[in-house]
Amino acid sequence: MEMILIAIFVFSALTIIVIVLLQEGKTGGLSGLTSENTGSYWAKNKKNTLEGRFERWTKIIAGLFMISALLLGVI
């Protein structure tokens, strides 16, 4: 069981690295908070773009990483 968790942990760590490197930079910083138009077509359909899919998979894989790290710590 421990070997399976280690394999999941390593796979998720490497996958997070690759997915984060593939994402576009968010150069807006604090100025992007005020200028973002939340009612735009882009804001409504962002989840259907490649960038939206990268963000969704980052969250899923990060959750898997954290759960596997927690379980490995308990074992």
PDB file of N, CA and C in Angstrom:
ATOM      1  N   MET A   1       0.820  -1.195   0.000  1.00  0.00           N
ATOM      2  CA  MET A   1       0.000   0.000   0.000  1.00  0.00           C
ATOM      3  C   MET A   1       0.866   1.262   0.000  1.00  0.00           C
ATOM      4  N   GLU A   2       1.956   1.198   0.760  1.00  0.00           N
ATOM      5  CA  GLU A   2       2.844   2.353   0.834  1.00  0.00           C
ATOM      6  C   GLU A   2       3.497   2.644  -0.517  1.00  0.00           C
ATOM      7  N   MET A   3       3.858   1.599  -1.254  1.00  0.00           N
ATOM      8  CA  MET A   3       4.485   1.795  -2.568  1.00  0.00           C
ATOM      9  C   MET A   3       3.504   2.440  -3.558  1.00  0.00           C
ATOM     10  N   ILE A   4       2.245   2.066  -3.466  1.00  0.00           N
ATOM     11  CA  ILE A   4       1.228   2.666  -4.340  1.00  0.00           C
ATOM     12  C   ILE A   4       1.070   4.147  -4.017  1.00  0.00           C
ATOM     13  N   LEU A   5       1.033   4.482  -2.725  1.00  0.00           N
ATOM     14  CA  LEU A   5       0.921   5.882  -2.322  1.00  0.00           C
ATOM     15  C   LEU A   5       2.145   6.694  -2.751  1.00  0.00           C
ATOM     16  N   ILE A   6       3.316   6.103  -2.657  1.00  0.00           N
ATOM     17  CA  ILE A   6       4.535   6.794  -3.101  1.00  0.00           C
ATOM     18  C   ILE A   6       4.486   7.048  -4.601  1.00  0.00           C
ATOM     19  N   ALA A   7       4.016   6.065  -5.363  1.00  0.00           N
ATOM     20  CA  ALA A   7       3.900   6.231  -6.811  1.00  0.00           C
ATOM     21  C   ALA A   7       2.899   7.333  -7.157  1.00  0.00           C
ATOM     22  N   ILE A   8       1.765   7.370  -6.472  1.00  0.00           N
ATOM     23  CA  ILE A   8       0.765   8.421  -6.697  1.00  0.00           C
ATOM     24  C   ILE A   8       1.342   9.782  -6.328  1.00  0.00           C
ATOM     25  N   PHE A   9       2.070   9.830  -5.223  1.00  0.00           N
ATOM     26  CA  PHE A   9       2.680  11.080  -4.750  1.00  0.00           C
ATOM     27  C   PHE A   9       3.676  11.623  -5.776  1.00  0.00           C
ATOM     28  N   VAL A  10       4.555  10.785  -6.266  1.00  0.00           N
ATOM     29  CA  VAL A  10       5.571  11.217  -7.233  1.00  0.00           C
ATOM     30  C   VAL A  10       4.922  11.607  -8.557  1.00  0.00           C
ATOM     31  N   PHE A  11       3.961  10.797  -9.015  1.00  0.00           N
ATOM     32  CA  PHE A  11       3.275  11.113 -10.270  1.00  0.00           C
ATOM     33  C   PHE A  11       2.544  12.455 -10.185  1.00  0.00           C
ATOM     34  N   SER A  12       1.847  12.677  -9.088  1.00  0.00           N
ATOM     35  CA  SER A  12       1.106  13.936  -8.952  1.00  0.00           C
ATOM     36  C   SER A  12       2.052  15.126  -8.829  1.00  0.00           C
ATOM     37  N   ALA A  13       3.188  14.947  -8.152  1.00  0.00           N
ATOM     38  CA  ALA A  13       4.162  16.036  -8.027  1.00  0.00           C
ATOM     39  C   ALA A  13       4.716  16.427  -9.400  1.00  0.00           C
ATOM     40  N   LEU A  14       5.095  15.443 -10.194  1.00  0.00           N
ATOM     41  CA  LEU A  14       5.630  15.728 -11.527  1.00  0.00           C
ATOM     42  C   LEU A  14       4.559  16.316 -12.442  1.00  0.00           C
ATOM     43  N   THR A  15       3.331  15.845 -12.313  1.00  0.00           N
ATOM     44  CA  THR A  15       2.241  16.351 -13.139  1.00  0.00           C
ATOM     45  C   THR A  15       1.931  17.808 -12.798  1.00  0.00           C
ATOM     46  N   ILE A  16       1.944  18.152 -11.511  1.00  0.00           N
ATOM     47  CA  ILE A  16       1.714  19.544 -11.117  1.00  0.00           C
ATOM     48  C   ILE A  16       2.785  20.448 -11.717  1.00  0.00           C
ATOM     49  N   ILE A  17       4.020  20.013 -11.675  1.00  0.00           N
ATOM     50  CA  ILE A  17       5.116  20.814 -12.228  1.00  0.00           C
ATOM     51  C   ILE A  17       4.890  21.084 -13.706  1.00  0.00           C
ATOM     52  N   VAL A  18       4.541  20.047 -14.458  1.00  0.00           N
ATOM     53  CA  VAL A  18       4.341  20.197 -15.901  1.00  0.00           C
ATOM     54  C   VAL A  18       3.148  21.095 -16.198  1.00  0.00           C
ATOM     55  N   ILE A  19       2.032  20.886 -15.507  1.00  0.00           N
ATOM     56  CA  ILE A  19       0.833  21.674 -15.781  1.00  0.00           C
ATOM     57  C   ILE A  19       1.048  23.147 -15.436  1.00  0.00           C
ATOM     58  N   VAL A  20       1.710  23.418 -14.335  1.00  0.00           N
ATOM     59  CA  VAL A  20       1.951  24.814 -13.950  1.00  0.00           C
ATOM     60  C   VAL A  20       2.881  25.491 -14.959  1.00  0.00           C
ATOM     61  N   LEU A  21       3.869  24.777 -15.459  1.00  0.00           N
ATOM     62  CA  LEU A  21       4.764  25.362 -16.454  1.00  0.00           C
ATOM     63  C   LEU A  21       4.068  25.619 -17.785  1.00  0.00           C
ATOM     64  N   LEU A  22       3.020  24.872 -18.089  1.00  0.00           N
ATOM     65  CA  LEU A  22       2.283  25.074 -19.335  1.00  0.00           C
ATOM     66  C   LEU A  22       1.300  26.237 -19.258  1.00  0.00           C
ATOM     67  N   GLN A  23       0.963  26.684 -18.068  1.00  0.00           N
ATOM     68  CA  GLN A  23      -0.011  27.763 -17.926  1.00  0.00           C
ATOM     69  C   GLN A  23       0.588  29.109 -18.303  1.00  0.00           C
ATOM     70  N   GLU A  24      -0.296  30.006 -18.755  1.00  0.00           N
ATOM     71  CA  GLU A  24       0.137  31.362 -19.091  1.00  0.00           C
ATOM     72  C   GLU A  24       0.363  32.162 -17.817  1.00  0.00           C
ATOM     73  N   GLY A  25       1.246  33.124 -17.894  1.00  0.00           N
ATOM     74  CA  GLY A  25       1.517  33.980 -16.747  1.00  0.00           C
ATOM     75  C   GLY A  25       0.377  34.960 -16.513  1.00  0.00           C
ATOM     76  N   LYS A  26       0.154  35.276 -15.283  1.00  0.00           N
ATOM     77  CA  LYS A  26      -0.873  36.262 -14.918  1.00  0.00           C
ATOM     78  C   LYS A  26      -0.140  37.546 -14.537  1.00  0.00           C
ATOM     79  N   THR A  27       0.126  38.405 -15.500  1.00  0.00           N
ATOM     80  CA  THR A  27       0.947  39.585 -15.270  1.00  0.00           C
ATOM     81  C   THR A  27       0.157  40.777 -14.753  1.00  0.00           C
ATOM     82  N   GLY A  28      -1.140  40.646 -14.572  1.00  0.00           N
ATOM     83  CA  GLY A  28      -1.955  41.759 -14.110  1.00  0.00           C
ATOM     84  C   GLY A  28      -1.611  42.209 -12.709  1.00  0.00           C
ATOM     85  N   GLY A  29      -1.281  41.263 -11.838  1.00  0.00           N
ATOM     86  CA  GLY A  29      -0.968  41.609 -10.458  1.00  0.00           C
ATOM     87  C   GLY A  29      -2.159  42.246  -9.767  1.00  0.00           C
ATOM     88  N   LEU A  30      -1.906  43.208  -8.902  1.00  0.00           N
ATOM     89  CA  LEU A  30      -2.979  43.888  -8.194  1.00  0.00           C
ATOM     90  C   LEU A  30      -3.793  44.795  -9.112  1.00  0.00           C
ATOM     91  N   SER A  31      -3.187  45.298 -10.165  1.00  0.00           N
ATOM     92  CA  SER A  31      -3.931  46.162 -11.077  1.00  0.00           C
ATOM     93  C   SER A  31      -4.980  45.371 -11.853  1.00  0.00           C
ATOM     94  N   GLY A  32      -4.796  44.080 -11.980  1.00  0.00           N
ATOM     95  CA  GLY A  32      -5.764  43.249 -12.683  1.00  0.00           C
ATOM     96  C   GLY A  32      -7.041  43.031 -11.905  1.00  0.00           C
ATOM     97  N   LEU A  33      -7.012  43.298 -10.615  1.00  0.00           N
ATOM     98  CA  LEU A  33      -8.211  43.121  -9.802  1.00  0.00           C
ATOM     99  C   LEU A  33      -9.300  44.123 -10.148  1.00  0.00           C
ATOM    100  N   THR A  34      -8.912  45.331 -10.467  1.00  0.00           N
ATOM    101  CA  THR A  34      -9.899  46.372 -10.723  1.00  0.00           C
ATOM    102  C   THR A  34     -10.312  46.439 -12.176  1.00  0.00           C
ATOM    103  N   SER A  35      -9.477  46.029 -13.086  1.00  0.00           N
ATOM    104  CA  SER A  35      -9.774  46.206 -14.506  1.00  0.00           C
ATOM    105  C   SER A  35     -10.446  44.988 -15.134  1.00  0.00           C
ATOM    106  N   GLU A  36     -10.613  43.917 -14.394  1.00  0.00           N
ATOM    107  CA  GLU A  36     -11.204  42.718 -14.970  1.00  0.00           C
ATOM    108  C   GLU A  36     -12.709  42.897 -15.133  1.00  0.00           C
ATOM    109  N   ASN A  37     -13.192  42.597 -16.310  1.00  0.00           N
ATOM    110  CA  ASN A  37     -14.619  42.715 -16.600  1.00  0.00           C
ATOM    111  C   ASN A  37     -15.262  41.350 -16.368  1.00  0.00           C
ATOM    112  N   THR A  38     -16.032  41.203 -15.303  1.00  0.00           N
ATOM    113  CA  THR A  38     -16.599  39.900 -14.955  1.00  0.00           C
ATOM    114  C   THR A  38     -17.778  39.533 -15.833  1.00  0.00           C
ATOM    115  N   GLY A  39     -18.334  40.466 -16.555  1.00  0.00           N
ATOM    116  CA  GLY A  39     -19.485  40.171 -17.406  1.00  0.00           C
ATOM    117  C   GLY A  39     -19.111  39.887 -18.843  1.00  0.00           C
ATOM    118  N   SER A  40     -17.848  39.792 -19.149  1.00  0.00           N
ATOM    119  CA  SER A  40     -17.425  39.612 -20.525  1.00  0.00           C
ATOM    120  C   SER A  40     -17.607  38.165 -20.989  1.00  0.00           C
ATOM    121  N   TYR A  41     -17.564  37.999 -22.272  1.00  0.00           N
ATOM    122  CA  TYR A  41     -17.678  36.677 -22.874  1.00  0.00           C
ATOM    123  C   TYR A  41     -16.540  35.773 -22.401  1.00  0.00           C
ATOM    124  N   TRP A  42     -15.336  36.330 -22.305  1.00  0.00           N
ATOM    125  CA  TRP A  42     -14.165  35.557 -21.881  1.00  0.00           C
ATOM    126  C   TRP A  42     -14.339  35.036 -20.457  1.00  0.00           C
ATOM    127  N   ALA A  43     -14.837  35.877 -19.557  1.00  0.00           N
ATOM    128  CA  ALA A  43     -15.007  35.476 -18.159  1.00  0.00           C
ATOM    129  C   ALA A  43     -16.049  34.373 -18.024  1.00  0.00           C
ATOM    130  N   LYS A  44     -17.081  34.430 -18.849  1.00  0.00           N
ATOM    131  CA  LYS A  44     -18.145  33.430 -18.765  1.00  0.00           C
ATOM    132  C   LYS A  44     -17.724  32.086 -19.361  1.00  0.00           C
ATOM    133  N   ASN A  45     -16.861  32.089 -20.354  1.00  0.00           N
ATOM    134  CA  ASN A  45     -16.491  30.861 -21.057  1.00  0.00           C
ATOM    135  C   ASN A  45     -15.046  30.443 -20.848  1.00  0.00           C
ATOM    136  N   LYS A  46     -14.410  30.949 -19.814  1.00  0.00           N
ATOM    137  CA  LYS A  46     -13.000  30.641 -19.567  1.00  0.00           C
ATOM    138  C   LYS A  46     -12.782  29.158 -19.289  1.00  0.00           C
ATOM    139  N   LYS A  47     -13.749  28.502 -18.653  1.00  0.00           N
ATOM    140  CA  LYS A  47     -13.576  27.091 -18.305  1.00  0.00           C
ATOM    141  C   LYS A  47     -13.481  26.199 -19.538  1.00  0.00           C
ATOM    142  N   ASN A  48     -13.953  26.663 -20.683  1.00  0.00           N
ATOM    143  CA  ASN A  48     -13.920  25.867 -21.905  1.00  0.00           C
ATOM    144  C   ASN A  48     -12.625  26.027 -22.687  1.00  0.00           C
ATOM    145  N   THR A  49     -11.774  26.950 -22.282  1.00  0.00           N
ATOM    146  CA  THR A  49     -10.517  27.171 -22.984  1.00  0.00           C
ATOM    147  C   THR A  49      -9.438  26.235 -22.455  1.00  0.00           C
ATOM    148  N   LEU A  50      -8.335  26.199 -23.139  1.00  0.00           N
ATOM    149  CA  LEU A  50      -7.207  25.377 -22.717  1.00  0.00           C
ATOM    150  C   LEU A  50      -6.683  25.849 -21.364  1.00  0.00           C
ATOM    151  N   GLU A  51      -6.632  27.165 -21.162  1.00  0.00           N
ATOM    152  CA  GLU A  51      -6.173  27.714 -19.890  1.00  0.00           C
ATOM    153  C   GLU A  51      -7.107  27.315 -18.751  1.00  0.00           C
ATOM    154  N   GLY A  52      -8.396  27.317 -19.015  1.00  0.00           N
ATOM    155  CA  GLY A  52      -9.363  26.899 -18.002  1.00  0.00           C
ATOM    156  C   GLY A  52      -9.209  25.438 -17.636  1.00  0.00           C
ATOM    157  N   ARG A  53      -8.932  24.610 -18.627  1.00  0.00           N
ATOM    158  CA  ARG A  53      -8.703  23.185 -18.352  1.00  0.00           C
ATOM    159  C   ARG A  53      -7.424  22.970 -17.552  1.00  0.00           C
ATOM    160  N   PHE A  54      -6.387  23.751 -17.859  1.00  0.00           N
ATOM    161  CA  PHE A  54      -5.152  23.648 -17.077  1.00  0.00           C
ATOM    162  C   PHE A  54      -5.404  24.001 -15.616  1.00  0.00           C
ATOM    163  N   GLU A  55      -6.190  25.061 -15.383  1.00  0.00           N
ATOM    164  CA  GLU A  55      -6.483  25.454 -14.012  1.00  0.00           C
ATOM    165  C   GLU A  55      -7.286  24.379 -13.287  1.00  0.00           C
ATOM    166  N   ARG A  56      -8.255  23.790 -13.962  1.00  0.00           N
ATOM    167  CA  ARG A  56      -9.068  22.741 -13.342  1.00  0.00           C
ATOM    168  C   ARG A  56      -8.218  21.528 -13.004  1.00  0.00           C
ATOM    169  N   TRP A  57      -7.347  21.105 -13.932  1.00  0.00           N
ATOM    170  CA  TRP A  57      -6.504  19.938 -13.670  1.00  0.00           C
ATOM    171  C   TRP A  57      -5.461  20.226 -12.596  1.00  0.00           C
ATOM    172  N   THR A  58      -5.001  21.467 -12.504  1.00  0.00           N
ATOM    173  CA  THR A  58      -4.072  21.831 -11.436  1.00  0.00           C
ATOM    174  C   THR A  58      -4.728  21.628 -10.078  1.00  0.00           C
ATOM    175  N   LYS A  59      -5.981  22.054  -9.948  1.00  0.00           N
ATOM    176  CA  LYS A  59      -6.696  21.894  -8.682  1.00  0.00           C
ATOM    177  C   LYS A  59      -6.922  20.424  -8.351  1.00  0.00           C
ATOM    178  N   ILE A  60      -7.289  19.623  -9.334  1.00  0.00           N
ATOM    179  CA  ILE A  60      -7.551  18.202  -9.103  1.00  0.00           C
ATOM    180  C   ILE A  60      -6.269  17.479  -8.688  1.00  0.00           C
ATOM    181  N   ILE A  61      -5.202  17.694  -9.436  1.00  0.00           N
ATOM    182  CA  ILE A  61      -3.930  17.014  -9.148  1.00  0.00           C
ATOM    183  C   ILE A  61      -3.337  17.512  -7.828  1.00  0.00           C
ATOM    184  N   ALA A  62      -3.501  18.796  -7.519  1.00  0.00           N
ATOM    185  CA  ALA A  62      -3.007  19.320  -6.239  1.00  0.00           C
ATOM    186  C   ALA A  62      -3.752  18.674  -5.070  1.00  0.00           C
ATOM    187  N   GLY A  63      -5.054  18.456  -5.230  1.00  0.00           N
ATOM    188  CA  GLY A  63      -5.821  17.761  -4.194  1.00  0.00           C
ATOM    189  C   GLY A  63      -5.337  16.340  -4.004  1.00  0.00           C
ATOM    190  N   LEU A  64      -5.078  15.641  -5.115  1.00  0.00           N
ATOM    191  CA  LEU A  64      -4.549  14.278  -5.052  1.00  0.00           C
ATOM    192  C   LEU A  64      -3.177  14.264  -4.384  1.00  0.00           C
ATOM    193  N   PHE A  65      -2.355  15.255  -4.696  1.00  0.00           N
ATOM    194  CA  PHE A  65      -1.031  15.377  -4.098  1.00  0.00           C
ATOM    195  C   PHE A  65      -1.134  15.567  -2.587  1.00  0.00           C
ATOM    196  N   MET A  66      -2.017  16.468  -2.165  1.00  0.00           N
ATOM    197  CA  MET A  66      -2.147  16.740  -0.731  1.00  0.00           C
ATOM    198  C   MET A  66      -2.705  15.540   0.028  1.00  0.00           C
ATOM    199  N   ILE A  67      -3.661  14.847  -0.542  1.00  0.00           N
ATOM    200  CA  ILE A  67      -4.227  13.666   0.114  1.00  0.00           C
ATOM    201  C   ILE A  67      -3.180  12.569   0.231  1.00  0.00           C
ATOM    202  N   SER A  68      -2.417  12.336  -0.846  1.00  0.00           N
ATOM    203  CA  SER A  68      -1.387  11.305  -0.795  1.00  0.00           C
ATOM    204  C   SER A  68      -0.280  11.675   0.200  1.00  0.00           C
ATOM    205  N   ALA A  69       0.072  12.971   0.274  1.00  0.00           N
ATOM    206  CA  ALA A  69       1.082  13.404   1.242  1.00  0.00           C
ATOM    207  C   ALA A  69       0.578  13.205   2.670  1.00  0.00           C
ATOM    208  N   LEU A  70      -0.684  13.501   2.902  1.00  0.00           N
ATOM    209  CA  LEU A  70      -1.264  13.301   4.230  1.00  0.00           C
ATOM    210  C   LEU A  70      -1.274  11.826   4.602  1.00  0.00           C
ATOM    211  N   LEU A  71      -1.686  10.983   3.680  1.00  0.00           N
ATOM    212  CA  LEU A  71      -1.716   9.542   3.959  1.00  0.00           C
ATOM    213  C   LEU A  71      -0.314   8.975   4.170  1.00  0.00           C
ATOM    214  N   LEU A  72       0.653   9.457   3.404  1.00  0.00           N
ATOM    215  CA  LEU A  72       2.035   8.999   3.617  1.00  0.00           C
ATOM    216  C   LEU A  72       2.566   9.461   4.956  1.00  0.00           C
ATOM    217  N   GLY A  73       2.164  10.635   5.394  1.00  0.00           N
ATOM    218  CA  GLY A  73       2.584  11.116   6.704  1.00  0.00           C
ATOM    219  C   GLY A  73       1.992  10.301   7.828  1.00  0.00           C
ATOM    220  N   VAL A  74       0.771   9.831   7.656  1.00  0.00           N
ATOM    221  CA  VAL A  74       0.117   9.021   8.668  1.00  0.00           C
ATOM    222  C   VAL A  74       0.754   7.642   8.745  1.00  0.00           C
ATOM    223  N   ILE A  75       1.098   7.106   7.576  1.00  0.00           N
ATOM    224  CA  ILE A  75       1.729   5.773   7.541  1.00  0.00           C
ATOM    225  C   ILE A  75       3.146   5.894   8.051  1.00  0.00           C
TER     226      ILE A  75
END
